[in-house]
Amino acid sequence: MMNFKKSLLGFVLLPIASIVAFSGVASAETIRTKHFQINITRNCSEGNISCDDVTYVGQDLRTGKSIRLTGKTVNRARSYTFLGYEFRNGPYTYSVTRNNVLLIYKDEQLILREQGVSIGD
């Protein structure tokens, strides 16, 4: 009977321990457009609707050069529907939509728009 109680206790505590252990793990995604590969990492706890600590690493597939930026999620007001991500670098704003579209603005003027696809996990 004692072994059964220990087994039952382990069975109950294992999922709880897993949730606690992985609740702070960052989630990441990779998007590839015609000219760029973009790695986006949400550095907030799983389950947060919005996140002000998102990392963007974009690599130019032609030159191999990369840029690393910190940004945030963009959500619709009131409903908090996820719309994408936004990152700033001086006069440039990099946006990645929930549909994997990369938009780069300079001083609010669109200078690049590329459709991407999500790759890997």
PDB file of N, CA and C in Angstrom:
ATOM      1  N   MET A   1       0.825  -1.188   0.000  1.00  0.00           N
ATOM      2  CA  MET A   1       0.000   0.000   0.000  1.00  0.00           C
ATOM      3  C   MET A   1       0.872   1.255   0.000  1.00  0.00           C
ATOM      4  N   MET A   2       2.000   1.203   0.716  1.00  0.00           N
ATOM      5  CA  MET A   2       2.882   2.362   0.799  1.00  0.00           C
ATOM      6  C   MET A   2       3.481   2.684  -0.562  1.00  0.00           C
ATOM      7  N   ASN A   3       3.905   1.667  -1.333  1.00  0.00           N
ATOM      8  CA  ASN A   3       4.457   1.891  -2.667  1.00  0.00           C
ATOM      9  C   ASN A   3       3.423   2.499  -3.598  1.00  0.00           C
ATOM     10  N   PHE A   4       2.169   2.077  -3.460  1.00  0.00           N
ATOM     11  CA  PHE A   4       1.099   2.634  -4.278  1.00  0.00           C
ATOM     12  C   PHE A   4       0.939   4.126  -3.992  1.00  0.00           C
ATOM     13  N   LYS A   5       0.992   4.515  -2.713  1.00  0.00           N
ATOM     14  CA  LYS A   5       0.858   5.930  -2.338  1.00  0.00           C
ATOM     15  C   LYS A   5       2.024   6.743  -2.891  1.00  0.00           C
ATOM     16  N   LYS A   6       3.240   6.193  -2.823  1.00  0.00           N
ATOM     17  CA  LYS A   6       4.405   6.890  -3.369  1.00  0.00           C
ATOM     18  C   LYS A   6       4.274   7.050  -4.881  1.00  0.00           C
ATOM     19  N   SER A   7       3.817   5.991  -5.550  1.00  0.00           N
ATOM     20  CA  SER A   7       3.637   6.058  -7.003  1.00  0.00           C
ATOM     21  C   SER A   7       2.570   7.072  -7.369  1.00  0.00           C
ATOM     22  N   LEU A   8       1.483   7.071  -6.620  1.00  0.00           N
ATOM     23  CA  LEU A   8       0.398   8.019  -6.874  1.00  0.00           C
ATOM     24  C   LEU A   8       0.871   9.446  -6.638  1.00  0.00           C
ATOM     25  N   LEU A   9       1.624   9.659  -5.577  1.00  0.00           N
ATOM     26  CA  LEU A   9       2.152  10.989  -5.274  1.00  0.00           C
ATOM     27  C   LEU A   9       3.080  11.458  -6.390  1.00  0.00           C
ATOM     28  N   GLY A  10       3.951  10.572  -6.869  1.00  0.00           N
ATOM     29  CA  GLY A  10       4.840  10.922  -7.979  1.00  0.00           C
ATOM     30  C   GLY A  10       4.061  11.222  -9.245  1.00  0.00           C
ATOM     31  N   PHE A  11       3.014  10.463  -9.494  1.00  0.00           N
ATOM     32  CA  PHE A  11       2.173  10.665 -10.670  1.00  0.00           C
ATOM     33  C   PHE A  11       1.487  12.024 -10.617  1.00  0.00           C
ATOM     34  N   VAL A  12       1.072  12.450  -9.436  1.00  0.00           N
ATOM     35  CA  VAL A  12       0.395  13.739  -9.269  1.00  0.00           C
ATOM     36  C   VAL A  12       1.395  14.888  -9.319  1.00  0.00           C
ATOM     37  N   LEU A  13       2.553  14.731  -8.703  1.00  0.00           N
ATOM     38  CA  LEU A  13       3.518  15.827  -8.615  1.00  0.00           C
ATOM     39  C   LEU A  13       4.326  16.045  -9.890  1.00  0.00           C
ATOM     40  N   LEU A  14       4.514  15.012 -10.704  1.00  0.00           N
ATOM     41  CA  LEU A  14       5.324  15.158 -11.912  1.00  0.00           C
ATOM     42  C   LEU A  14       4.771  16.214 -12.869  1.00  0.00           C
ATOM     43  N   PRO A  15       3.478  16.208 -13.197  1.00  0.00           N
ATOM     44  CA  PRO A  15       2.976  17.263 -14.085  1.00  0.00           C
ATOM     45  C   PRO A  15       3.105  18.659 -13.480  1.00  0.00           C
ATOM     46  N   ILE A  16       2.903  18.777 -12.182  1.00  0.00           N
ATOM     47  CA  ILE A  16       3.027  20.079 -11.519  1.00  0.00           C
ATOM     48  C   ILE A  16       4.471  20.558 -11.588  1.00  0.00           C
ATOM     49  N   ALA A  17       5.419  19.676 -11.321  1.00  0.00           N
ATOM     50  CA  ALA A  17       6.837  20.044 -11.394  1.00  0.00           C
ATOM     51  C   ALA A  17       7.216  20.438 -12.820  1.00  0.00           C
ATOM     52  N   SER A  18       6.672  19.743 -13.805  1.00  0.00           N
ATOM     53  CA  SER A  18       6.967  20.075 -15.203  1.00  0.00           C
ATOM     54  C   SER A  18       6.453  21.455 -15.562  1.00  0.00           C
ATOM     55  N   ILE A  19       5.262  21.784 -15.112  1.00  0.00           N
ATOM     56  CA  ILE A  19       4.693  23.105 -15.393  1.00  0.00           C
ATOM     57  C   ILE A  19       5.549  24.189 -14.765  1.00  0.00           C
ATOM     58  N   VAL A  20       5.942  23.999 -13.525  1.00  0.00           N
ATOM     59  CA  VAL A  20       6.775  24.987 -12.840  1.00  0.00           C
ATOM     60  C   VAL A  20       8.130  25.115 -13.525  1.00  0.00           C
ATOM     61  N   ALA A  21       8.730  23.995 -13.898  1.00  0.00           N
ATOM     62  CA  ALA A  21      10.065  24.022 -14.501  1.00  0.00           C
ATOM     63  C   ALA A  21      10.073  24.694 -15.863  1.00  0.00           C
ATOM     64  N   PHE A  22       9.013  24.514 -16.642  1.00  0.00           N
ATOM     65  CA  PHE A  22       9.009  25.040 -18.004  1.00  0.00           C
ATOM     66  C   PHE A  22       8.211  26.323 -18.175  1.00  0.00           C
ATOM     67  N   SER A  23       7.632  26.869 -17.113  1.00  0.00           N
ATOM     68  CA  SER A  23       6.810  28.070 -17.249  1.00  0.00           C
ATOM     69  C   SER A  23       7.629  29.293 -17.632  1.00  0.00           C
ATOM     70  N   GLY A  24       8.918  29.319 -17.339  1.00  0.00           N
ATOM     71  CA  GLY A  24       9.739  30.467 -17.681  1.00  0.00           C
ATOM     72  C   GLY A  24      10.527  30.295 -18.967  1.00  0.00           C
ATOM     73  N   VAL A  25      10.311  29.196 -19.673  1.00  0.00           N
ATOM     74  CA  VAL A  25      11.063  28.923 -20.885  1.00  0.00           C
ATOM     75  C   VAL A  25      10.596  29.850 -22.005  1.00  0.00           C
ATOM     76  N   ALA A  26      11.546  30.440 -22.701  1.00  0.00           N
ATOM     77  CA  ALA A  26      11.222  31.328 -23.817  1.00  0.00           C
ATOM     78  C   ALA A  26      10.729  30.502 -24.997  1.00  0.00           C
ATOM     79  N   SER A  27       9.819  31.098 -25.759  1.00  0.00           N
ATOM     80  CA  SER A  27       9.360  30.421 -26.966  1.00  0.00           C
ATOM     81  C   SER A  27       9.975  31.104 -28.179  1.00  0.00           C
ATOM     82  N   ALA A  28      10.300  30.325 -29.190  1.00  0.00           N
ATOM     83  CA  ALA A  28      10.994  30.872 -30.354  1.00  0.00           C
ATOM     84  C   ALA A  28      10.333  30.397 -31.636  1.00  0.00           C
ATOM     85  N   GLU A  29      10.511  31.195 -32.679  1.00  0.00           N
ATOM     86  CA  GLU A  29      10.036  30.815 -34.002  1.00  0.00           C
ATOM     87  C   GLU A  29      11.000  31.356 -35.046  1.00  0.00           C
ATOM     88  N   THR A  30      11.050  30.679 -36.176  1.00  0.00           N
ATOM     89  CA  THR A  30      11.919  31.095 -37.272  1.00  0.00           C
ATOM     90  C   THR A  30      11.066  31.323 -38.507  1.00  0.00           C
ATOM     91  N   ILE A  31      11.322  32.446 -39.165  1.00  0.00           N
ATOM     92  CA  ILE A  31      10.590  32.827 -40.373  1.00  0.00           C
ATOM     93  C   ILE A  31      11.616  33.086 -41.470  1.00  0.00           C
ATOM     94  N   ARG A  32      11.327  32.602 -42.671  1.00  0.00           N
ATOM     95  CA  ARG A  32      12.215  32.844 -43.807  1.00  0.00           C
ATOM     96  C   ARG A  32      11.431  33.581 -44.886  1.00  0.00           C
ATOM     97  N   THR A  33      12.013  34.716 -45.331  1.00  0.00           N
ATOM     98  CA  THR A  33      11.464  35.463 -46.457  1.00  0.00           C
ATOM     99  C   THR A  33      12.404  35.260 -47.644  1.00  0.00           C
ATOM    100  N   LYS A  34      12.164  35.967 -48.719  1.00  0.00           N
ATOM    101  CA  LYS A  34      13.018  35.829 -49.901  1.00  0.00           C
ATOM    102  C   LYS A  34      14.467  36.192 -49.592  1.00  0.00           C
ATOM    103  N   HIS A  35      14.669  37.223 -48.764  1.00  0.00           N
ATOM    104  CA  HIS A  35      16.024  37.722 -48.513  1.00  0.00           C
ATOM    105  C   HIS A  35      16.503  37.614 -47.064  1.00  0.00           C
ATOM    106  N   PHE A  36      15.638  37.182 -46.139  1.00  0.00           N
ATOM    107  CA  PHE A  36      16.012  37.185 -44.725  1.00  0.00           C
ATOM    108  C   PHE A  36      15.563  35.920 -44.012  1.00  0.00           C
ATOM    109  N   GLN A  37      16.345  35.539 -43.002  1.00  0.00           N
ATOM    110  CA  GLN A  37      15.905  34.540 -42.036  1.00  0.00           C
ATOM    111  C   GLN A  37      15.804  35.251 -40.702  1.00  0.00           C
ATOM    112  N   ILE A  38      14.664  35.111 -40.051  1.00  0.00           N
ATOM    113  CA  ILE A  38      14.374  35.848 -38.826  1.00  0.00           C
ATOM    114  C   ILE A  38      14.083  34.860 -37.711  1.00  0.00           C
ATOM    115  N   ASN A  39      14.793  35.014 -36.604  1.00  0.00           N
ATOM    116  CA  ASN A  39      14.526  34.230 -35.400  1.00  0.00           C
ATOM    117  C   ASN A  39      13.919  35.172 -34.373  1.00  0.00           C
ATOM    118  N   ILE A  40      12.731  34.833 -33.902  1.00  0.00           N
ATOM    119  CA  ILE A  40      12.037  35.645 -32.907  1.00  0.00           C
ATOM    120  C   ILE A  40      11.889  34.814 -31.647  1.00  0.00           C
ATOM    121  N   THR A  41      12.318  35.389 -30.526  1.00  0.00           N
ATOM    122  CA  THR A  41      12.230  34.701 -29.238  1.00  0.00           C
ATOM    123  C   THR A  41      11.451  35.561 -28.261  1.00  0.00           C
ATOM    124  N   ARG A  42      10.372  35.003 -27.730  1.00  0.00           N
ATOM    125  CA  ARG A  42       9.598  35.673 -26.676  1.00  0.00           C
ATOM    126  C   ARG A  42      10.238  35.289 -25.350  1.00  0.00           C
ATOM    127  N   ASN A  43      10.763  36.292 -24.646  1.00  0.00           N
ATOM    128  CA  ASN A  43      11.478  36.049 -23.396  1.00  0.00           C
ATOM    129  C   ASN A  43      10.589  36.242 -22.179  1.00  0.00           C
ATOM    130  N   CYS A  44       9.293  36.103 -22.347  1.00  0.00           N
ATOM    131  CA  CYS A  44       8.328  36.236 -21.253  1.00  0.00           C
ATOM    132  C   CYS A  44       7.779  34.855 -20.904  1.00  0.00           C
ATOM    133  N   SER A  45       7.200  34.754 -19.736  1.00  0.00           N
ATOM    134  CA  SER A  45       6.630  33.484 -19.299  1.00  0.00           C
ATOM    135  C   SER A  45       5.536  33.034 -20.246  1.00  0.00           C
ATOM    136  N   GLU A  46       5.447  31.741 -20.437  1.00  0.00           N
ATOM    137  CA  GLU A  46       4.405  31.153 -21.273  1.00  0.00           C
ATOM    138  C   GLU A  46       3.044  31.561 -20.727  1.00  0.00           C
ATOM    139  N   GLY A  47       2.145  31.897 -21.600  1.00  0.00           N
ATOM    140  CA  GLY A  47       0.805  32.281 -21.179  1.00  0.00           C
ATOM    141  C   GLY A  47       0.591  33.778 -21.104  1.00  0.00           C
ATOM    142  N   ASN A  48       1.670  34.571 -21.125  1.00  0.00           N
ATOM    143  CA  ASN A  48       1.505  36.028 -21.141  1.00  0.00           C
ATOM    144  C   ASN A  48       0.894  36.431 -22.471  1.00  0.00           C
ATOM    145  N   ILE A  49      -0.148  37.246 -22.417  1.00  0.00           N
ATOM    146  CA  ILE A  49      -0.791  37.700 -23.644  1.00  0.00           C
ATOM    147  C   ILE A  49       0.111  38.674 -24.379  1.00  0.00           C
ATOM    148  N   SER A  50       0.677  39.612 -23.651  1.00  0.00           N
ATOM    149  CA  SER A  50       1.604  40.554 -24.277  1.00  0.00           C
ATOM    150  C   SER A  50       2.991  40.347 -23.674  1.00  0.00           C
ATOM    151  N   CYS A  51       4.005  40.754 -24.441  1.00  0.00           N
ATOM    152  CA  CYS A  51       5.380  40.564 -23.992  1.00  0.00           C
ATOM    153  C   CYS A  51       6.208  41.747 -24.466  1.00  0.00           C
ATOM    154  N   ASP A  52       6.875  42.425 -23.551  1.00  0.00           N
ATOM    155  CA  ASP A  52       7.730  43.566 -23.881  1.00  0.00           C
ATOM    156  C   ASP A  52       9.205  43.180 -23.946  1.00  0.00           C
ATOM    157  N   ASP A  53       9.486  41.894 -24.000  1.00  0.00           N
ATOM    158  CA  ASP A  53      10.867  41.411 -24.074  1.00  0.00           C
ATOM    159  C   ASP A  53      10.965  40.327 -25.152  1.00  0.00           C
ATOM    160  N   VAL A  54      10.967  40.778 -26.394  1.00  0.00           N
ATOM    161  CA  VAL A  54      11.036  39.877 -27.542  1.00  0.00           C
ATOM    162  C   VAL A  54      12.331  40.172 -28.291  1.00  0.00           C
ATOM    163  N   THR A  55      13.065  39.136 -28.654  1.00  0.00           N
ATOM    164  CA  THR A  55      14.329  39.299 -29.375  1.00  0.00           C
ATOM    165  C   THR A  55      14.142  38.941 -30.847  1.00  0.00           C
ATOM    166  N   TYR A  56      14.674  39.799 -31.710  1.00  0.00           N
ATOM    167  CA  TYR A  56      14.651  39.615 -33.168  1.00  0.00           C
ATOM    168  C   TYR A  56      16.091  39.476 -33.629  1.00  0.00           C
ATOM    169  N   VAL A  57      16.403  38.385 -34.292  1.00  0.00           N
ATOM    170  CA  VAL A  57      17.707  38.242 -34.939  1.00  0.00           C
ATOM    171  C   VAL A  57      17.409  37.981 -36.411  1.00  0.00           C
ATOM    172  N   GLY A  58      17.727  38.972 -37.231  1.00  0.00           N
ATOM    173  CA  GLY A  58      17.480  38.857 -38.659  1.00  0.00           C
ATOM    174  C   GLY A  58      18.792  38.731 -39.407  1.00  0.00           C
ATOM    175  N   GLN A  59      18.869  37.746 -40.289  1.00  0.00           N
ATOM    176  CA  GLN A  59      20.082  37.541 -41.091  1.00  0.00           C
ATOM    177  C   GLN A  59      19.750  37.748 -42.562  1.00  0.00           C
ATOM    178  N   ASP A  60      20.544  38.595 -43.214  1.00  0.00           N
ATOM    179  CA  ASP A  60      20.421  38.821 -44.648  1.00  0.00           C
ATOM    180  C   ASP A  60      20.991  37.592 -45.352  1.00  0.00           C
ATOM    181  N   LEU A  61      20.172  36.912 -46.117  1.00  0.00           N
ATOM    182  CA  LEU A  61      20.607  35.672 -46.769  1.00  0.00           C
ATOM    183  C   LEU A  61      21.605  35.922 -47.895  1.00  0.00           C
ATOM    184  N   ARG A  62      21.683  37.146 -48.393  1.00  0.00           N
ATOM    185  CA  ARG A  62      22.621  37.469 -49.472  1.00  0.00           C
ATOM    186  C   ARG A  62      24.011  37.771 -48.924  1.00  0.00           C
ATOM    187  N   THR A  63      24.072  38.537 -47.828  1.00  0.00           N
ATOM    188  CA  THR A  63      25.372  38.978 -47.304  1.00  0.00           C
ATOM    189  C   THR A  63      25.831  38.199 -46.081  1.00  0.00           C
ATOM    190  N   GLY A  64      24.890  37.558 -45.384  1.00  0.00           N
ATOM    191  CA  GLY A  64      25.221  36.853 -44.152  1.00  0.00           C
ATOM    192  C   GLY A  64      25.240  37.754 -42.933  1.00  0.00           C
ATOM    193  N   LYS A  65      25.092  39.067 -43.127  1.00  0.00           N
ATOM    194  CA  LYS A  65      25.086  40.001 -41.996  1.00  0.00           C
ATOM    195  C   LYS A  65      23.795  39.839 -41.209  1.00  0.00           C
ATOM    196  N   SER A  66      23.897  40.102 -39.891  1.00  0.00           N
ATOM    197  CA  SER A  66      22.706  39.974 -39.057  1.00  0.00           C
ATOM    198  C   SER A  66      22.561  41.173 -38.131  1.00  0.00           C
ATOM    199  N   ILE A  67      21.345  41.335 -37.641  1.00  0.00           N
ATOM    200  CA  ILE A  67      21.027  42.399 -36.700  1.00  0.00           C
ATOM    201  C   ILE A  67      20.218  41.789 -35.570  1.00  0.00           C
ATOM    202  N   ARG A  68      20.483  42.260 -34.358  1.00  0.00           N
ATOM    203  CA  ARG A  68      19.773  41.781 -33.169  1.00  0.00           C
ATOM    204  C   ARG A  68      19.057  42.972 -32.551  1.00  0.00           C
ATOM    205  N   LEU A  69      17.749  42.831 -32.343  1.00  0.00           N
ATOM    206  CA  LEU A  69      16.933  43.908 -31.787  1.00  0.00           C
ATOM    207  C   LEU A  69      16.051  43.367 -30.673  1.00  0.00           C
ATOM    208  N   THR A  70      15.636  44.259 -29.790  1.00  0.00           N
ATOM    209  CA  THR A  70      14.679  43.908 -28.748  1.00  0.00           C
ATOM    210  C   THR A  70      13.401  44.685 -29.005  1.00  0.00           C
ATOM    211  N   GLY A  71      12.278  44.008 -28.849  1.00  0.00           N
ATOM    212  CA  GLY A  71      11.003  44.660 -29.109  1.00  0.00           C
ATOM    213  C   GLY A  71       9.892  44.074 -28.273  1.00  0.00           C
ATOM    214  N   LYS A  72       8.694  44.088 -28.847  1.00  0.00           N
ATOM    215  CA  LYS A  72       7.501  43.689 -28.093  1.00  0.00           C
ATOM    216  C   LYS A  72       6.469  43.059 -29.022  1.00  0.00           C
ATOM    217  N   THR A  73       5.490  42.413 -28.405  1.00  0.00           N
ATOM    218  CA  THR A  73       4.356  41.925 -29.174  1.00  0.00           C
ATOM    219  C   THR A  73       3.426  43.101 -29.438  1.00  0.00           C
ATOM    220  N   VAL A  74       2.646  42.984 -30.496  1.00  0.00           N
ATOM    221  CA  VAL A  74       1.625  43.982 -30.810  1.00  0.00           C
ATOM    222  C   VAL A  74       0.286  43.262 -30.740  1.00  0.00           C
ATOM    223  N   ASN A  75      -0.612  43.810 -29.920  1.00  0.00           N
ATOM    224  CA  ASN A  75      -1.921  43.203 -29.716  1.00  0.00           C
ATOM    225  C   ASN A  75      -3.011  44.241 -29.936  1.00  0.00           C
ATOM    226  N   ARG A  76      -4.163  43.782 -30.407  1.00  0.00           N
ATOM    227  CA  ARG A  76      -5.308  44.663 -30.598  1.00  0.00           C
ATOM    228  C   ARG A  76      -5.811  45.121 -29.226  1.00  0.00           C
ATOM    229  N   ALA A  77      -6.121  46.405 -29.123  1.00  0.00           N
ATOM    230  CA  ALA A  77      -6.643  46.952 -27.869  1.00  0.00           C
ATOM    231  C   ALA A  77      -7.955  46.258 -27.523  1.00  0.00           C
ATOM    232  N   ARG A  78      -8.204  46.123 -26.268  1.00  0.00           N
ATOM    233  CA  ARG A  78      -9.401  45.512 -25.678  1.00  0.00           C
ATOM    234  C   ARG A  78      -9.459  43.997 -25.834  1.00  0.00           C
ATOM    235  N   SER A  79      -9.360  43.478 -27.060  1.00  0.00           N
ATOM    236  CA  SER A  79      -9.470  42.024 -27.241  1.00  0.00           C
ATOM    237  C   SER A  79      -8.129  41.326 -27.045  1.00  0.00           C
ATOM    238  N   TYR A  80      -7.030  42.077 -27.101  1.00  0.00           N
ATOM    239  CA  TYR A  80      -5.673  41.551 -26.969  1.00  0.00           C
ATOM    240  C   TYR A  80      -5.337  40.503 -28.028  1.00  0.00           C
ATOM    241  N   THR A  81      -6.020  40.554 -29.166  1.00  0.00           N
ATOM    242  CA  THR A  81      -5.711  39.642 -30.267  1.00  0.00           C
ATOM    243  C   THR A  81      -4.282  39.895 -30.734  1.00  0.00           C
ATOM    244  N   PHE A  82      -3.507  38.830 -30.860  1.00  0.00           N
ATOM    245  CA  PHE A  82      -2.116  38.954 -31.291  1.00  0.00           C
ATOM    246  C   PHE A  82      -2.059  39.394 -32.748  1.00  0.00           C
ATOM    247  N   LEU A  83      -1.322  40.485 -33.026  1.00  0.00           N
ATOM    248  CA  LEU A  83      -1.173  41.005 -34.385  1.00  0.00           C
ATOM    249  C   LEU A  83       0.227  40.780 -34.940  1.00  0.00           C
ATOM    250  N   GLY A  84       1.229  40.660 -34.058  1.00  0.00           N
ATOM    251  CA  GLY A  84       2.596  40.456 -34.517  1.00  0.00           C
ATOM    252  C   GLY A  84       3.604  41.020 -33.539  1.00  0.00           C
ATOM    253  N   TYR A  85       4.759  41.444 -34.083  1.00  0.00           N
ATOM    254  CA  TYR A  85       5.863  41.953 -33.270  1.00  0.00           C
ATOM    255  C   TYR A  85       6.353  43.273 -33.846  1.00  0.00           C
ATOM    256  N   GLU A  86       6.947  44.088 -32.976  1.00  0.00           N
ATOM    257  CA  GLU A  86       7.537  45.352 -33.416  1.00  0.00           C
ATOM    258  C   GLU A  86       8.891  45.545 -32.749  1.00  0.00           C
ATOM    259  N   PHE A  87       9.867  45.972 -33.562  1.00  0.00           N
ATOM    260  CA  PHE A  87      11.234  46.197 -33.092  1.00  0.00           C
ATOM    261  C   PHE A  87      11.719  47.520 -33.664  1.00  0.00           C
ATOM    262  N   ARG A  88      12.453  48.296 -32.880  1.00  0.00           N
ATOM    263  CA  ARG A  88      12.938  49.599 -33.343  1.00  0.00           C
ATOM    264  C   ARG A  88      14.462  49.643 -33.341  1.00  0.00           C
ATOM    265  N   ASN A  89      14.994  50.355 -34.348  1.00  0.00           N
ATOM    266  CA  ASN A  89      16.433  50.557 -34.482  1.00  0.00           C
ATOM    267  C   ASN A  89      16.637  51.939 -35.098  1.00  0.00           C
ATOM    268  N   GLY A  90      16.787  52.952 -34.248  1.00  0.00           N
ATOM    269  CA  GLY A  90      16.905  54.325 -34.742  1.00  0.00           C
ATOM    270  C   GLY A  90      15.653  54.706 -35.510  1.00  0.00           C
ATOM    271  N   PRO A  91      15.809  55.197 -36.751  1.00  0.00           N
ATOM    272  CA  PRO A  91      14.636  55.601 -37.529  1.00  0.00           C
ATOM    273  C   PRO A  91      13.891  54.418 -38.166  1.00  0.00           C
ATOM    274  N   TYR A  92      14.393  53.205 -37.957  1.00  0.00           N
ATOM    275  CA  TYR A  92      13.798  52.022 -38.575  1.00  0.00           C
ATOM    276  C   TYR A  92      12.878  51.292 -37.601  1.00  0.00           C
ATOM    277  N   THR A  93      11.761  50.830 -38.124  1.00  0.00           N
ATOM    278  CA  THR A  93      10.847  49.977 -37.377  1.00  0.00           C
ATOM    279  C   THR A  93      10.679  48.685 -38.162  1.00  0.00           C
ATOM    280  N   TYR A  94      10.953  47.577 -37.499  1.00  0.00           N
ATOM    281  CA  TYR A  94      10.800  46.252 -38.095  1.00  0.00           C
ATOM    282  C   TYR A  94       9.530  45.651 -37.508  1.00  0.00           C
ATOM    283  N   SER A  95       8.611  45.252 -38.365  1.00  0.00           N
ATOM    284  CA  SER A  95       7.387  44.599 -37.920  1.00  0.00           C
ATOM    285  C   SER A  95       7.295  43.229 -38.567  1.00  0.00           C
ATOM    286  N   VAL A  96       6.870  42.269 -37.790  1.00  0.00           N
ATOM    287  CA  VAL A  96       6.596  40.933 -38.310  1.00  0.00           C
ATOM    288  C   VAL A  96       5.160  40.623 -37.911  1.00  0.00           C
ATOM    289  N   THR A  97       4.292  40.427 -38.911  1.00  0.00           N
ATOM    290  CA  THR A  97       2.883  40.204 -38.631  1.00  0.00           C
ATOM    291  C   THR A  97       2.624  38.752 -38.256  1.00  0.00           C
ATOM    292  N   ARG A  98       1.444  38.501 -37.732  1.00  0.00           N
ATOM    293  CA  ARG A  98       1.084  37.125 -37.363  1.00  0.00           C
ATOM    294  C   ARG A  98       0.992  36.224 -38.586  1.00  0.00           C
ATOM    295  N   ASN A  99       0.913  36.839 -39.779  1.00  0.00           N
ATOM    296  CA  ASN A  99       0.882  36.088 -41.039  1.00  0.00           C
ATOM    297  C   ASN A  99       2.264  35.983 -41.673  1.00  0.00           C
ATOM    298  N   ASN A 100       3.316  36.247 -40.883  1.00  0.00           N
ATOM    299  CA  ASN A 100       4.715  36.112 -41.317  1.00  0.00           C
ATOM    300  C   ASN A 100       5.119  37.093 -42.415  1.00  0.00           C
ATOM    301  N   VAL A 101       4.592  38.303 -42.367  1.00  0.00           N
ATOM    302  CA  VAL A 101       5.004  39.346 -43.300  1.00  0.00           C
ATOM    303  C   VAL A 101       6.011  40.240 -42.584  1.00  0.00           C
ATOM    304  N   LEU A 102       7.188  40.419 -43.203  1.00  0.00           N
ATOM    305  CA  LEU A 102       8.210  41.323 -42.677  1.00  0.00           C
ATOM    306  C   LEU A 102       7.997  42.692 -43.308  1.00  0.00           C
ATOM    307  N   LEU A 103       7.832  43.706 -42.464  1.00  0.00           N
ATOM    308  CA  LEU A 103       7.670  45.090 -42.910  1.00  0.00           C
ATOM    309  C   LEU A 103       8.776  45.913 -42.273  1.00  0.00           C
ATOM    310  N   ILE A 104       9.505  46.681 -43.072  1.00  0.00           N
ATOM    311  CA  ILE A 104      10.528  47.569 -42.524  1.00  0.00           C
ATOM    312  C   ILE A 104      10.190  48.990 -42.959  1.00  0.00           C
ATOM    313  N   TYR A 105      10.100  49.866 -41.962  1.00  0.00           N
ATOM    314  CA  TYR A 105       9.790  51.271 -42.192  1.00  0.00           C
ATOM    315  C   TYR A 105      10.999  52.111 -41.824  1.00  0.00           C
ATOM    316  N   LYS A 106      11.204  53.187 -42.565  1.00  0.00           N
ATOM    317  CA  LYS A 106      12.181  54.199 -42.180  1.00  0.00           C
ATOM    318  C   LYS A 106      11.408  55.498 -42.040  1.00  0.00           C
ATOM    319  N   ASP A 107      11.432  56.060 -40.824  1.00  0.00           N
ATOM    320  CA  ASP A 107      10.669  57.280 -40.547  1.00  0.00           C
ATOM    321  C   ASP A 107       9.223  57.143 -41.024  1.00  0.00           C
ATOM    322  N   GLU A 108       8.591  56.044 -40.701  1.00  0.00           N
ATOM    323  CA  GLU A 108       7.186  55.763 -40.999  1.00  0.00           C
ATOM    324  C   GLU A 108       6.882  55.519 -42.476  1.00  0.00           C
ATOM    325  N   GLN A 109       7.898  55.449 -43.326  1.00  0.00           N
ATOM    326  CA  GLN A 109       7.687  55.135 -44.742  1.00  0.00           C
ATOM    327  C   GLN A 109       8.124  53.696 -44.989  1.00  0.00           C
ATOM    328  N   LEU A 110       7.232  52.916 -45.580  1.00  0.00           N
ATOM    329  CA  LEU A 110       7.528  51.515 -45.858  1.00  0.00           C
ATOM    330  C   LEU A 110       8.643  51.403 -46.897  1.00  0.00           C
ATOM    331  N   ILE A 111       9.730  50.701 -46.531  1.00  0.00           N
ATOM    332  CA  ILE A 111      10.840  50.532 -47.477  1.00  0.00           C
ATOM    333  C   ILE A 111      11.028  49.072 -47.894  1.00  0.00           C
ATOM    334  N   LEU A 112      10.400  48.130 -47.167  1.00  0.00           N
ATOM    335  CA  LEU A 112      10.516  46.721 -47.535  1.00  0.00           C
ATOM    336  C   LEU A 112       9.298  45.965 -47.037  1.00  0.00           C
ATOM    337  N   ARG A 113       8.788  45.081 -47.883  1.00  0.00           N
ATOM    338  CA  ARG A 113       7.693  44.184 -47.503  1.00  0.00           C
ATOM    339  C   ARG A 113       7.979  42.835 -48.141  1.00  0.00           C
ATOM    340  N   GLU A 114       8.130  41.806 -47.307  1.00  0.00           N
ATOM    341  CA  GLU A 114       8.374  40.459 -47.817  1.00  0.00           C
ATOM    342  C   GLU A 114       7.518  39.451 -47.066  1.00  0.00           C
ATOM    343  N   GLN A 115       6.836  38.613 -47.814  1.00  0.00           N
ATOM    344  CA  GLN A 115       6.068  37.520 -47.226  1.00  0.00           C
ATOM    345  C   GLN A 115       7.042  36.426 -46.807  1.00  0.00           C
ATOM    346  N   GLY A 116       6.838  35.886 -45.631  1.00  0.00           N
ATOM    347  CA  GLY A 116       7.686  34.811 -45.151  1.00  0.00           C
ATOM    348  C   GLY A 116       6.895  33.560 -44.857  1.00  0.00           C
ATOM    349  N   VAL A 117       7.620  32.501 -44.556  1.00  0.00           N
ATOM    350  CA  VAL A 117       7.015  31.245 -44.130  1.00  0.00           C
ATOM    351  C   VAL A 117       7.689  30.815 -42.837  1.00  0.00           C
ATOM    352  N   SER A 118       6.914  30.202 -41.981  1.00  0.00           N
ATOM    353  CA  SER A 118       7.445  29.683 -40.728  1.00  0.00           C
ATOM    354  C   SER A 118       8.178  28.380 -41.032  1.00  0.00           C
ATOM    355  N   ILE A 119       9.402  28.256 -40.492  1.00  0.00           N
ATOM    356  CA  ILE A 119      10.173  27.035 -40.732  1.00  0.00           C
ATOM    357  C   ILE A 119      10.552  26.395 -39.408  1.00  0.00           C
ATOM    358  N   GLY A 120      10.605  25.079 -39.403  1.00  0.00           N
ATOM    359  CA  GLY A 120      11.041  24.345 -38.220  1.00  0.00           C
ATOM    360  C   GLY A 120      10.186  24.606 -37.008  1.00  0.00           C
ATOM    361  N   ASP A 121      10.641  24.060 -35.897  1.00  0.00           N
ATOM    362  CA  ASP A 121       9.965  24.282 -34.614  1.00  0.00           C
ATOM    363  C   ASP A 121      10.945  24.676 -33.578  1.00  0.00           C
TER     364      ASP A 121
END
